[in-house]
Amino acid sequence: MKLLRNIWGFYYDGFRGMTIGRRLWAIILIKLFIMFFVLRLFFFPNFLNSRFDSDQQKGDFVGRELIDRTH
């Protein structure tokens, strides 16, 4: 337990003392948000929900595609 507390203290003090690093982390988090949330909405539509109504139909389709693509 003491080891975890020491590790937590090390990272807590390191992030608290950052100046330029905070800006870099902010930029990284903004870029990740754009990549995973905004671009997903436009470029990766929910294919299964637009084509099938039930979970059974979705599962059958995915199963067929997995089997067909292995042969």
Protein backbone atom coordinates (compact mmCIF):
# COMPACT_ATOMS: atom_id res chain seq x y z
CA MET A 1 0.00 0.00 0.00
CA LYS A 2 2.89 2.33 0.75
CA LEU A 3 4.30 1.71 -2.72
CA LEU A 4 1.05 2.87 -4.34
CA ARG A 5 1.02 5.97 -2.16
CA ASN A 6 4.60 6.77 -3.18
CA ILE A 7 3.79 6.32 -6.86
CA TRP A 8 0.67 8.49 -6.53
CA GLY A 9 2.68 11.20 -4.74
CA PHE A 10 5.38 11.14 -7.42
CA TYR A 11 2.92 11.70 -10.27
CA TYR A 12 0.79 14.16 -8.30
CA ASP A 13 3.79 16.37 -7.52
CA GLY A 14 5.05 16.09 -11.08
CA PHE A 15 1.77 17.17 -12.68
CA ARG A 16 1.22 19.91 -10.11
CA GLY A 17 4.61 21.44 -10.90
CA MET A 18 4.18 21.47 -14.67
CA THR A 19 3.86 24.71 -16.62
CA ILE A 20 4.39 23.99 -20.31
CA GLY A 21 3.35 20.37 -19.87
CA ARG A 22 -0.19 21.40 -18.92
CA ARG A 23 -0.63 23.07 -22.29
CA LEU A 24 0.72 20.02 -24.06
CA TRP A 25 -1.63 17.71 -22.14
CA ALA A 26 -4.53 20.02 -22.96
CA ILE A 27 -3.64 19.88 -26.66
CA ILE A 28 -3.35 16.08 -26.51
CA LEU A 29 -6.75 15.74 -24.81
CA ILE A 30 -8.41 18.08 -27.31
CA LYS A 31 -6.95 16.11 -30.22
CA LEU A 32 -8.12 12.82 -28.71
CA PHE A 33 -11.60 14.25 -28.23
CA ILE A 34 -11.71 15.35 -31.87
CA MET A 35 -10.40 12.01 -33.13
CA PHE A 36 -12.67 9.75 -31.12
CA PHE A 37 -15.89 11.71 -30.77
CA VAL A 38 -16.23 14.27 -33.55
CA LEU A 39 -14.73 12.26 -36.43
CA ARG A 40 -16.62 9.15 -35.35
CA LEU A 41 -19.92 10.95 -35.85
CA PHE A 42 -19.12 11.88 -39.44
CA PHE A 43 -16.96 9.05 -40.78
CA PHE A 44 -18.07 5.98 -38.85
CA PRO A 45 -21.87 5.72 -38.88
CA ASN A 46 -23.55 2.93 -36.97
CA PHE A 47 -23.92 0.45 -39.82
CA LEU A 48 -25.76 -2.28 -37.94
CA ASN A 49 -28.42 -0.01 -36.44
CA SER A 50 -29.20 1.49 -39.84
CA ARG A 51 -29.67 -1.90 -41.54
CA PHE A 52 -31.15 -4.21 -38.90
CA ASP A 53 -33.93 -3.91 -36.35
CA SER A 54 -33.20 -6.64 -33.81
CA ASP A 55 -30.13 -7.91 -32.00
CA GLN A 56 -30.70 -11.35 -33.50
CA GLN A 57 -30.45 -9.98 -37.05
CA LYS A 58 -27.31 -8.04 -36.16
CA GLY A 59 -25.70 -11.11 -34.61
CA ASP A 60 -26.56 -13.29 -37.59
CA PHE A 61 -25.08 -10.75 -40.00
CA VAL A 62 -21.84 -10.41 -38.02
CA GLY A 63 -21.52 -14.19 -37.72
CA ARG A 64 -22.01 -14.68 -41.47
CA GLU A 65 -19.47 -11.98 -42.29
CA LEU A 66 -16.86 -13.45 -39.96
CA ILE A 67 -17.29 -16.91 -41.44
CA ASP A 68 -17.38 -15.70 -45.06
CA ARG A 69 -14.26 -13.56 -44.68
CA THR A 70 -12.18 -16.41 -43.29
CA HIS A 71 -12.66 -18.54 -46.41
